[in-house]
Amino acid sequence: IGVTEKRNDTLTIDAALKDQHRISFILKHLYRIRRAIEKGANVKGYFYWTLFDDFEWSEGFNPRHGLYYTDYKNNPTRIPKDSAKWFHAFIKGQGQASHYYIT
């Protein structure tokens, strides 16, 4: 099994950059995946959708579900959200993120 396209939308830049809810969203999915593995599921990967805010055919540029905020009016600049910083530290097992061990 490969878990793909797990996402969580945020619309404003302030909410997008301070996205503790996204960290919680990811942790809940990782916890459930770990439980599935413990019960015998053959999970080979986890892919968060998406790394950067992007264009959705039905919603345009409004959904802000990336780990990086895309400023479409400014070249488009990418700004790491709190979730991007957390996810990076979590994967490396570093810093504050390490206390989020999935049990």
PDB file of N, CA and C in Angstrom:
ATOM      1  N   ILE A   1       0.849  -1.176   0.000  1.00  0.00           N
ATOM      2  CA  ILE A   1       0.000   0.000   0.000  1.00  0.00           C
ATOM      3  C   ILE A   1       0.890   1.232   0.000  1.00  0.00           C
ATOM      4  N   GLY A   2       0.523   2.228  -0.791  1.00  0.00           N
ATOM      5  CA  GLY A   2       1.145   3.548  -0.748  1.00  0.00           C
ATOM      6  C   GLY A   2       0.053   4.560  -0.473  1.00  0.00           C
ATOM      7  N   VAL A   3       0.177   5.324   0.588  1.00  0.00           N
ATOM      8  CA  VAL A   3      -0.834   6.314   0.937  1.00  0.00           C
ATOM      9  C   VAL A   3      -0.475   7.614   0.239  1.00  0.00           C
ATOM     10  N   THR A   4      -1.353   8.091  -0.635  1.00  0.00           N
ATOM     11  CA  THR A   4      -1.075   9.307  -1.400  1.00  0.00           C
ATOM     12  C   THR A   4      -2.205  10.311  -1.258  1.00  0.00           C
ATOM     13  N   GLU A   5      -1.888  11.534  -1.585  1.00  0.00           N
ATOM     14  CA  GLU A   5      -2.828  12.641  -1.639  1.00  0.00           C
ATOM     15  C   GLU A   5      -3.608  12.833  -0.349  1.00  0.00           C
ATOM     16  N   LYS A   6      -2.907  12.902   0.770  1.00  0.00           N
ATOM     17  CA  LYS A   6      -3.518  13.321   2.023  1.00  0.00           C
ATOM     18  C   LYS A   6      -3.278  14.812   2.125  1.00  0.00           C
ATOM     19  N   ARG A   7      -4.338  15.577   2.310  1.00  0.00           N
ATOM     20  CA  ARG A   7      -4.177  17.019   2.327  1.00  0.00           C
ATOM     21  C   ARG A   7      -5.120  17.666   3.318  1.00  0.00           C
ATOM     22  N   ASN A   8      -4.841  18.952   3.580  1.00  0.00           N
ATOM     23  CA  ASN A   8      -5.628  19.744   4.499  1.00  0.00           C
ATOM     24  C   ASN A   8      -5.544  21.185   4.014  1.00  0.00           C
ATOM     25  N   ASP A   9      -6.678  21.841   3.761  1.00  0.00           N
ATOM     26  CA  ASP A   9      -6.683  23.177   3.163  1.00  0.00           C
ATOM     27  C   ASP A   9      -6.677  24.293   4.203  1.00  0.00           C
ATOM     28  N   THR A  10      -6.003  25.379   3.864  1.00  0.00           N
ATOM     29  CA  THR A  10      -6.012  26.612   4.633  1.00  0.00           C
ATOM     30  C   THR A  10      -6.035  27.755   3.635  1.00  0.00           C
ATOM     31  N   LEU A  11      -6.851  28.785   3.851  1.00  0.00           N
ATOM     32  CA  LEU A  11      -7.022  29.810   2.835  1.00  0.00           C
ATOM     33  C   LEU A  11      -6.225  31.094   3.064  1.00  0.00           C
ATOM     34  N   THR A  12      -6.085  31.589   4.289  1.00  0.00           N
ATOM     35  CA  THR A  12      -5.388  32.854   4.504  1.00  0.00           C
ATOM     36  C   THR A  12      -3.901  32.627   4.710  1.00  0.00           C
ATOM     37  N   ILE A  13      -3.077  33.658   4.392  1.00  0.00           N
ATOM     38  CA  ILE A  13      -1.631  33.512   4.560  1.00  0.00           C
ATOM     39  C   ILE A  13      -1.275  33.323   6.034  1.00  0.00           C
ATOM     40  N   ASP A  14      -1.929  34.069   6.942  1.00  0.00           N
ATOM     41  CA  ASP A  14      -1.635  33.920   8.370  1.00  0.00           C
ATOM     42  C   ASP A  14      -1.936  32.503   8.849  1.00  0.00           C
ATOM     43  N   ALA A  15      -3.097  32.004   8.485  1.00  0.00           N
ATOM     44  CA  ALA A  15      -3.463  30.639   8.874  1.00  0.00           C
ATOM     45  C   ALA A  15      -2.587  29.622   8.163  1.00  0.00           C
ATOM     46  N   ALA A  16      -2.219  29.923   6.923  1.00  0.00           N
ATOM     47  CA  ALA A  16      -1.399  28.987   6.147  1.00  0.00           C
ATOM     48  C   ALA A  16      -0.010  28.828   6.747  1.00  0.00           C
ATOM     49  N   LEU A  17       0.588  29.915   7.215  1.00  0.00           N
ATOM     50  CA  LEU A  17       1.950  29.836   7.756  1.00  0.00           C
ATOM     51  C   LEU A  17       1.977  29.286   9.172  1.00  0.00           C
ATOM     52  N   LYS A  18       0.952  29.522   9.940  1.00  0.00           N
ATOM     53  CA  LYS A  18       0.843  29.017  11.322  1.00  0.00           C
ATOM     54  C   LYS A  18      -0.166  27.885  11.322  1.00  0.00           C
ATOM     55  N   ASP A  19       0.249  26.739  10.829  1.00  0.00           N
ATOM     56  CA  ASP A  19      -0.698  25.654  10.542  1.00  0.00           C
ATOM     57  C   ASP A  19      -0.519  24.442  11.454  1.00  0.00           C
ATOM     58  N   GLN A  20      -0.668  24.673  12.751  1.00  0.00           N
ATOM     59  CA  GLN A  20      -0.585  23.585  13.724  1.00  0.00           C
ATOM     60  C   GLN A  20      -1.602  22.490  13.401  1.00  0.00           C
ATOM     61  N   HIS A  21      -2.760  22.882  12.886  1.00  0.00           N
ATOM     62  CA  HIS A  21      -3.787  21.894  12.536  1.00  0.00           C
ATOM     63  C   HIS A  21      -3.275  20.912  11.480  1.00  0.00           C
ATOM     64  N   ARG A  22      -2.397  21.373  10.588  1.00  0.00           N
ATOM     65  CA  ARG A  22      -1.852  20.493   9.545  1.00  0.00           C
ATOM     66  C   ARG A  22      -0.902  19.461  10.167  1.00  0.00           C
ATOM     67  N   ILE A  23      -0.122  19.894  11.143  1.00  0.00           N
ATOM     68  CA  ILE A  23       0.780  18.973  11.845  1.00  0.00           C
ATOM     69  C   ILE A  23      -0.043  17.886  12.534  1.00  0.00           C
ATOM     70  N   SER A  24      -1.098  18.294  13.207  1.00  0.00           N
ATOM     71  CA  SER A  24      -1.983  17.331  13.865  1.00  0.00           C
ATOM     72  C   SER A  24      -2.619  16.384  12.848  1.00  0.00           C
ATOM     73  N   PHE A  25      -3.030  16.921  11.712  1.00  0.00           N
ATOM     74  CA  PHE A  25      -3.630  16.142  10.625  1.00  0.00           C
ATOM     75  C   PHE A  25      -2.666  15.057  10.142  1.00  0.00           C
ATOM     76  N   ILE A  26      -1.407  15.438   9.917  1.00  0.00           N
ATOM     77  CA  ILE A  26      -0.391  14.487   9.446  1.00  0.00           C
ATOM     78  C   ILE A  26      -0.126  13.427  10.509  1.00  0.00           C
ATOM     79  N   LEU A  27       0.013  13.862  11.763  1.00  0.00           N
ATOM     80  CA  LEU A  27       0.280  12.912  12.850  1.00  0.00           C
ATOM     81  C   LEU A  27      -0.830  11.873  12.988  1.00  0.00           C
ATOM     82  N   LYS A  28      -2.063  12.309  12.864  1.00  0.00           N
ATOM     83  CA  LYS A  28      -3.185  11.364  12.967  1.00  0.00           C
ATOM     84  C   LYS A  28      -3.107  10.306  11.872  1.00  0.00           C
ATOM     85  N   HIS A  29      -2.747  10.725  10.664  1.00  0.00           N
ATOM     86  CA  HIS A  29      -2.627   9.760   9.573  1.00  0.00           C
ATOM     87  C   HIS A  29      -1.444   8.823   9.788  1.00  0.00           C
ATOM     88  N   LEU A  30      -0.330   9.351  10.256  1.00  0.00           N
ATOM     89  CA  LEU A  30       0.834   8.498  10.519  1.00  0.00           C
ATOM     90  C   LEU A  30       0.529   7.480  11.623  1.00  0.00           C
ATOM     91  N   TYR A  31      -0.206   7.911  12.636  1.00  0.00           N
ATOM     92  CA  TYR A  31      -0.595   6.997  13.703  1.00  0.00           C
ATOM     93  C   TYR A  31      -1.445   5.851  13.149  1.00  0.00           C
ATOM     94  N   ARG A  32      -2.415   6.202  12.322  1.00  0.00           N
ATOM     95  CA  ARG A  32      -3.294   5.165  11.756  1.00  0.00           C
ATOM     96  C   ARG A  32      -2.535   4.237  10.808  1.00  0.00           C
ATOM     97  N   ILE A  33      -1.592   4.784  10.082  1.00  0.00           N
ATOM     98  CA  ILE A  33      -0.767   3.948   9.199  1.00  0.00           C
ATOM     99  C   ILE A  33       0.070   2.983  10.028  1.00  0.00           C
ATOM    100  N   ARG A  34       0.652   3.477  11.114  1.00  0.00           N
ATOM    101  CA  ARG A  34       1.442   2.593  11.983  1.00  0.00           C
ATOM    102  C   ARG A  34       0.577   1.466  12.549  1.00  0.00           C
ATOM    103  N   ARG A  35      -0.637   1.808  12.955  1.00  0.00           N
ATOM    104  CA  ARG A  35      -1.549   0.775  13.473  1.00  0.00           C
ATOM    105  C   ARG A  35      -1.858  -0.265  12.395  1.00  0.00           C
ATOM    106  N   ALA A  36      -2.054   0.189  11.168  1.00  0.00           N
ATOM    107  CA  ALA A  36      -2.327  -0.736  10.061  1.00  0.00           C
ATOM    108  C   ALA A  36      -1.136  -1.652   9.818  1.00  0.00           C
ATOM    109  N   ILE A  37       0.074  -1.111   9.892  1.00  0.00           N
ATOM    110  CA  ILE A  37       1.289  -1.919   9.716  1.00  0.00           C
ATOM    111  C   ILE A  37       1.375  -2.969  10.816  1.00  0.00           C
ATOM    112  N   GLU A  38       1.090  -2.561  12.051  1.00  0.00           N
ATOM    113  CA  GLU A  38       1.127  -3.501  13.174  1.00  0.00           C
ATOM    114  C   GLU A  38       0.122  -4.634  12.994  1.00  0.00           C
ATOM    115  N   LYS A  39      -0.949  -4.368  12.262  1.00  0.00           N
ATOM    116  CA  LYS A  39      -1.970  -5.388  12.009  1.00  0.00           C
ATOM    117  C   LYS A  39      -1.711  -6.159  10.724  1.00  0.00           C
ATOM    118  N   GLY A  40      -0.562  -5.892  10.079  1.00  0.00           N
ATOM    119  CA  GLY A  40      -0.178  -6.684   8.925  1.00  0.00           C
ATOM    120  C   GLY A  40      -0.257  -6.010   7.568  1.00  0.00           C
ATOM    121  N   ALA A  41      -0.690  -4.762   7.503  1.00  0.00           N
ATOM    122  CA  ALA A  41      -0.759  -4.071   6.205  1.00  0.00           C
ATOM    123  C   ALA A  41       0.654  -3.855   5.664  1.00  0.00           C
ATOM    124  N   ASN A  42       0.817  -4.054   4.381  1.00  0.00           N
ATOM    125  CA  ASN A  42       2.119  -3.908   3.725  1.00  0.00           C
ATOM    126  C   ASN A  42       2.245  -2.490   3.153  1.00  0.00           C
ATOM    127  N   VAL A  43       2.449  -1.516   4.031  1.00  0.00           N
ATOM    128  CA  VAL A  43       2.544  -0.113   3.626  1.00  0.00           C
ATOM    129  C   VAL A  43       3.978   0.176   3.203  1.00  0.00           C
ATOM    130  N   LYS A  44       4.149   0.702   2.009  1.00  0.00           N
ATOM    131  CA  LYS A  44       5.482   0.976   1.459  1.00  0.00           C
ATOM    132  C   LYS A  44       5.850   2.454   1.477  1.00  0.00           C
ATOM    133  N   GLY A  45       4.887   3.331   1.720  1.00  0.00           N
ATOM    134  CA  GLY A  45       5.223   4.747   1.713  1.00  0.00           C
ATOM    135  C   GLY A  45       4.071   5.623   2.153  1.00  0.00           C
ATOM    136  N   TYR A  46       4.413   6.867   2.445  1.00  0.00           N
ATOM    137  CA  TYR A  46       3.437   7.893   2.803  1.00  0.00           C
ATOM    138  C   TYR A  46       3.823   9.152   2.052  1.00  0.00           C
ATOM    139  N   PHE A  47       2.886   9.704   1.314  1.00  0.00           N
ATOM    140  CA  PHE A  47       3.145  10.899   0.515  1.00  0.00           C
ATOM    141  C   PHE A  47       2.114  11.960   0.876  1.00  0.00           C
ATOM    142  N   TYR A  48       2.566  13.060   1.430  1.00  0.00           N
ATOM    143  CA  TYR A  48       1.642  14.147   1.747  1.00  0.00           C
ATOM    144  C   TYR A  48       1.363  14.943   0.477  1.00  0.00           C
ATOM    145  N   TRP A  49       0.093  15.248   0.221  1.00  0.00           N
ATOM    146  CA  TRP A  49      -0.287  16.074  -0.920  1.00  0.00           C
ATOM    147  C   TRP A  49      -0.596  17.462  -0.409  1.00  0.00           C
ATOM    148  N   THR A  50       0.206  18.375  -0.663  1.00  0.00           N
ATOM    149  CA  THR A  50       1.303  18.470  -1.591  1.00  0.00           C
ATOM    150  C   THR A  50       2.420  19.294  -0.977  1.00  0.00           C
ATOM    151  N   LEU A  51       3.592  19.230  -1.554  1.00  0.00           N
ATOM    152  CA  LEU A  51       4.719  19.987  -1.015  1.00  0.00           C
ATOM    153  C   LEU A  51       4.467  21.491  -1.102  1.00  0.00           C
ATOM    154  N   PHE A  52       3.973  21.961  -2.247  1.00  0.00           N
ATOM    155  CA  PHE A  52       3.720  23.392  -2.464  1.00  0.00           C
ATOM    156  C   PHE A  52       2.236  23.629  -2.723  1.00  0.00           C
ATOM    157  N   ASP A  53       1.737  24.808  -2.327  1.00  0.00           N
ATOM    158  CA  ASP A  53       0.403  25.204  -2.759  1.00  0.00           C
ATOM    159  C   ASP A  53       0.386  25.132  -4.277  1.00  0.00           C
ATOM    160  N   ASP A  54      -0.730  24.736  -4.839  1.00  0.00           N
ATOM    161  CA  ASP A  54      -0.770  24.535  -6.283  1.00  0.00           C
ATOM    162  C   ASP A  54      -2.112  24.961  -6.868  1.00  0.00           C
ATOM    163  N   PHE A  55      -2.314  24.659  -8.128  1.00  0.00           N
ATOM    164  CA  PHE A  55      -3.552  24.969  -8.840  1.00  0.00           C
ATOM    165  C   PHE A  55      -4.429  23.727  -8.875  1.00  0.00           C
ATOM    166  N   GLU A  56      -5.674  23.891  -8.473  1.00  0.00           N
ATOM    167  CA  GLU A  56      -6.655  22.816  -8.547  1.00  0.00           C
ATOM    168  C   GLU A  56      -7.682  23.196  -9.606  1.00  0.00           C
ATOM    169  N   TRP A  57      -8.009  22.277 -10.490  1.00  0.00           N
ATOM    170  CA  TRP A  57      -8.901  22.583 -11.607  1.00  0.00           C
ATOM    171  C   TRP A  57     -10.231  23.158 -11.155  1.00  0.00           C
ATOM    172  N   SER A  58     -10.816  22.626 -10.135  1.00  0.00           N
ATOM    173  CA  SER A  58     -12.143  23.087  -9.715  1.00  0.00           C
ATOM    174  C   SER A  58     -12.109  24.271  -8.751  1.00  0.00           C
ATOM    175  N   GLU A  59     -10.944  24.545  -8.136  1.00  0.00           N
ATOM    176  CA  GLU A  59     -10.868  25.589  -7.109  1.00  0.00           C
ATOM    177  C   GLU A  59      -9.811  26.653  -7.391  1.00  0.00           C
ATOM    178  N   GLY A  60      -9.089  26.520  -8.480  1.00  0.00           N
ATOM    179  CA  GLY A  60      -8.051  27.494  -8.815  1.00  0.00           C
ATOM    180  C   GLY A  60      -6.903  27.467  -7.817  1.00  0.00           C
ATOM    181  N   PHE A  61      -6.412  28.659  -7.449  1.00  0.00           N
ATOM    182  CA  PHE A  61      -5.285  28.769  -6.523  1.00  0.00           C
ATOM    183  C   PHE A  61      -5.725  28.902  -5.063  1.00  0.00           C
ATOM    184  N   ASN A  62      -7.027  28.811  -4.783  1.00  0.00           N
ATOM    185  CA  ASN A  62      -7.523  29.042  -3.429  1.00  0.00           C
ATOM    186  C   ASN A  62      -7.114  28.000  -2.401  1.00  0.00           C
ATOM    187  N   PRO A  63      -7.140  26.722  -2.668  1.00  0.00           N
ATOM    188  CA  PRO A  63      -6.723  25.781  -1.621  1.00  0.00           C
ATOM    189  C   PRO A  63      -5.258  25.997  -1.248  1.00  0.00           C
ATOM    190  N   ARG A  64      -4.980  25.989   0.020  1.00  0.00           N
ATOM    191  CA  ARG A  64      -3.607  26.183   0.507  1.00  0.00           C
ATOM    192  C   ARG A  64      -3.184  24.954   1.298  1.00  0.00           C
ATOM    193  N   HIS A  65      -3.101  23.806   0.612  1.00  0.00           N
ATOM    194  CA  HIS A  65      -2.803  22.566   1.314  1.00  0.00           C
ATOM    195  C   HIS A  65      -1.349  22.127   1.203  1.00  0.00           C
ATOM    196  N   GLY A  66      -0.484  22.944   0.663  1.00  0.00           N
ATOM    197  CA  GLY A  66       0.932  22.603   0.577  1.00  0.00           C
ATOM    198  C   GLY A  66       1.657  22.830   1.893  1.00  0.00           C
ATOM    199  N   LEU A  67       2.817  22.200   2.036  1.00  0.00           N
ATOM    200  CA  LEU A  67       3.665  22.453   3.199  1.00  0.00           C
ATOM    201  C   LEU A  67       4.406  23.778   3.053  1.00  0.00           C
ATOM    202  N   TYR A  68       4.482  24.276   1.827  1.00  0.00           N
ATOM    203  CA  TYR A  68       5.084  25.584   1.539  1.00  0.00           C
ATOM    204  C   TYR A  68       4.019  26.491   0.950  1.00  0.00           C
ATOM    205  N   TYR A  69       3.926  27.716   1.461  1.00  0.00           N
ATOM    206  CA  TYR A  69       2.997  28.708   0.937  1.00  0.00           C
ATOM    207  C   TYR A  69       3.558  29.256  -0.368  1.00  0.00           C
ATOM    208  N   THR A  70       2.738  29.310  -1.403  1.00  0.00           N
ATOM    209  CA  THR A  70       3.154  29.873  -2.682  1.00  0.00           C
ATOM    210  C   THR A  70       2.540  31.259  -2.830  1.00  0.00           C
ATOM    211  N   ASP A  71       3.402  32.273  -2.923  1.00  0.00           N
ATOM    212  CA  ASP A  71       2.957  33.650  -3.140  1.00  0.00           C
ATOM    213  C   ASP A  71       2.903  33.880  -4.642  1.00  0.00           C
ATOM    214  N   TYR A  72       1.745  33.691  -5.234  1.00  0.00           N
ATOM    215  CA  TYR A  72       1.594  33.758  -6.687  1.00  0.00           C
ATOM    216  C   TYR A  72       1.807  35.159  -7.244  1.00  0.00           C
ATOM    217  N   LYS A  73       1.719  36.181  -6.392  1.00  0.00           N
ATOM    218  CA  LYS A  73       1.883  37.563  -6.849  1.00  0.00           C
ATOM    219  C   LYS A  73       3.336  38.021  -6.791  1.00  0.00           C
ATOM    220  N   ASN A  74       4.222  37.207  -6.236  1.00  0.00           N
ATOM    221  CA  ASN A  74       5.605  37.631  -6.023  1.00  0.00           C
ATOM    222  C   ASN A  74       6.580  36.588  -6.540  1.00  0.00           C
ATOM    223  N   ASN A  75       6.533  36.279  -7.789  1.00  0.00           N
ATOM    224  CA  ASN A  75       7.578  35.558  -8.541  1.00  0.00           C
ATOM    225  C   ASN A  75       7.514  34.044  -8.588  1.00  0.00           C
ATOM    226  N   PRO A  76       6.745  33.234  -8.314  1.00  0.00           N
ATOM    227  CA  PRO A  76       6.012  32.945  -7.089  1.00  0.00           C
ATOM    228  C   PRO A  76       6.951  32.444  -5.981  1.00  0.00           C
ATOM    229  N   THR A  77       7.069  33.240  -4.971  1.00  0.00           N
ATOM    230  CA  THR A  77       7.919  32.923  -3.824  1.00  0.00           C
ATOM    231  C   THR A  77       7.296  31.786  -3.021  1.00  0.00           C
ATOM    232  N   ARG A  78       8.133  30.875  -2.531  1.00  0.00           N
ATOM    233  CA  ARG A  78       7.657  29.789  -1.659  1.00  0.00           C
ATOM    234  C   ARG A  78       8.150  30.048  -0.245  1.00  0.00           C
ATOM    235  N   ILE A  79       7.243  30.022   0.703  1.00  0.00           N
ATOM    236  CA  ILE A  79       7.555  30.299   2.103  1.00  0.00           C
ATOM    237  C   ILE A  79       7.215  29.055   2.912  1.00  0.00           C
ATOM    238  N   PRO A  80       8.180  28.509   3.677  1.00  0.00           N
ATOM    239  CA  PRO A  80       7.862  27.310   4.463  1.00  0.00           C
ATOM    240  C   PRO A  80       6.850  27.619   5.565  1.00  0.00           C
ATOM    241  N   LYS A  81       5.839  26.795   5.639  1.00  0.00           N
ATOM    242  CA  LYS A  81       4.857  26.892   6.717  1.00  0.00           C
ATOM    243  C   LYS A  81       5.434  26.174   7.935  1.00  0.00           C
ATOM    244  N   ASP A  82       4.818  26.371   9.087  1.00  0.00           N
ATOM    245  CA  ASP A  82       5.257  25.655  10.287  1.00  0.00           C
ATOM    246  C   ASP A  82       5.262  24.151  10.049  1.00  0.00           C
ATOM    247  N   SER A  83       4.301  23.663   9.283  1.00  0.00           N
ATOM    248  CA  SER A  83       4.226  22.227   9.006  1.00  0.00           C
ATOM    249  C   SER A  83       5.420  21.740   8.193  1.00  0.00           C
ATOM    250  N   ALA A  84       5.945  22.559   7.291  1.00  0.00           N
ATOM    251  CA  ALA A  84       7.131  22.170   6.510  1.00  0.00           C
ATOM    252  C   ALA A  84       8.338  22.036   7.427  1.00  0.00           C
ATOM    253  N   LYS A  85       8.494  22.992   8.327  1.00  0.00           N
ATOM    254  CA  LYS A  85       9.616  22.950   9.280  1.00  0.00           C
ATOM    255  C   LYS A  85       9.475  21.739  10.198  1.00  0.00           C
ATOM    256  N   TRP A  86       8.255  21.509  10.684  1.00  0.00           N
ATOM    257  CA  TRP A  86       8.023  20.367  11.563  1.00  0.00           C
ATOM    258  C   TRP A  86       8.275  19.051  10.834  1.00  0.00           C
ATOM    259  N   PHE A  87       7.723  18.903   9.624  1.00  0.00           N
ATOM    260  CA  PHE A  87       7.857  17.657   8.867  1.00  0.00           C
ATOM    261  C   PHE A  87       9.323  17.341   8.595  1.00  0.00           C
ATOM    262  N   HIS A  88      10.099  18.358   8.246  1.00  0.00           N
ATOM    263  CA  HIS A  88      11.534  18.176   8.009  1.00  0.00           C
ATOM    264  C   HIS A  88      12.222  17.656   9.273  1.00  0.00           C
ATOM    265  N   ALA A  89      11.954  18.305  10.402  1.00  0.00           N
ATOM    266  CA  ALA A  89      12.563  17.876  11.662  1.00  0.00           C
ATOM    267  C   ALA A  89      12.077  16.485  12.070  1.00  0.00           C
ATOM    268  N   PHE A  90      10.809  16.194  11.850  1.00  0.00           N
ATOM    269  CA  PHE A  90      10.243  14.892  12.203  1.00  0.00           C
ATOM    270  C   PHE A  90      10.929  13.772  11.432  1.00  0.00           C
ATOM    271  N   ILE A  91      11.088  13.951  10.133  1.00  0.00           N
ATOM    272  CA  ILE A  91      11.723  12.932   9.300  1.00  0.00           C
ATOM    273  C   ILE A  91      13.164  12.698   9.732  1.00  0.00           C
ATOM    274  N   LYS A  92      13.852  13.764  10.111  1.00  0.00           N
ATOM    275  CA  LYS A  92      15.242  13.642  10.547  1.00  0.00           C
ATOM    276  C   LYS A  92      15.354  13.211  12.009  1.00  0.00           C
ATOM    277  N   GLY A  93      14.234  13.175  12.740  1.00  0.00           N
ATOM    278  CA  GLY A  93      14.253  12.799  14.148  1.00  0.00           C
ATOM    279  C   GLY A  93      14.930  13.843  15.011  1.00  0.00           C
ATOM    280  N   GLN A  94      14.779  15.111  14.641  1.00  0.00           N
ATOM    281  CA  GLN A  94      15.484  16.196  15.326  1.00  0.00           C
ATOM    282  C   GLN A  94      14.530  17.143  16.038  1.00  0.00           C
ATOM    283  N   GLY A  95      15.101  17.875  16.987  1.00  0.00           N
ATOM    284  CA  GLY A  95      14.416  19.001  17.601  1.00  0.00           C
ATOM    285  C   GLY A  95      13.112  18.642  18.272  1.00  0.00           C
ATOM    286  N   GLN A  96      12.242  19.635  18.366  1.00  0.00           N
ATOM    287  CA  GLN A  96      10.963  19.458  19.035  1.00  0.00           C
ATOM    288  C   GLN A  96      10.105  18.389  18.383  1.00  0.00           C
ATOM    289  N   ALA A  97      10.285  18.197  17.100  1.00  0.00           N
ATOM    290  CA  ALA A  97       9.439  17.229  16.397  1.00  0.00           C
ATOM    291  C   ALA A  97       9.670  15.812  16.892  1.00  0.00           C
ATOM    292  N   SER A  98      10.836  15.531  17.469  1.00  0.00           N
ATOM    293  CA  SER A  98      11.145  14.159  17.865  1.00  0.00           C
ATOM    294  C   SER A  98      10.240  13.659  18.991  1.00  0.00           C
ATOM    295  N   HIS A  99       9.622  14.559  19.761  1.00  0.00           N
ATOM    296  CA  HIS A  99       8.733  14.094  20.832  1.00  0.00           C
ATOM    297  C   HIS A  99       7.376  13.644  20.298  1.00  0.00           C
ATOM    298  N   TYR A 100       7.165  13.747  19.003  1.00  0.00           N
ATOM    299  CA  TYR A 100       5.925  13.299  18.380  1.00  0.00           C
ATOM    300  C   TYR A 100       6.030  11.853  17.911  1.00  0.00           C
ATOM    301  N   TYR A 101       6.792  11.036  18.583  1.00  0.00           N
ATOM    302  CA  TYR A 101       6.951   9.642  18.175  1.00  0.00           C
ATOM    303  C   TYR A 101       5.585   8.979  18.070  1.00  0.00           C
ATOM    304  N   ILE A 102       5.363   8.323  16.978  1.00  0.00           N
ATOM    305  CA  ILE A 102       4.064   7.694  16.727  1.00  0.00           C
ATOM    306  C   ILE A 102       3.980   6.378  17.497  1.00  0.00           C
ATOM    307  N   THR A 103       3.041   6.297  18.449  1.00  0.00           N
ATOM    308  CA  THR A 103       2.853   5.049  19.204  1.00  0.00           C
ATOM    309  C   THR A 103       1.424   4.574  19.116  1.00  0.00           C
TER     310      THR A 103
END
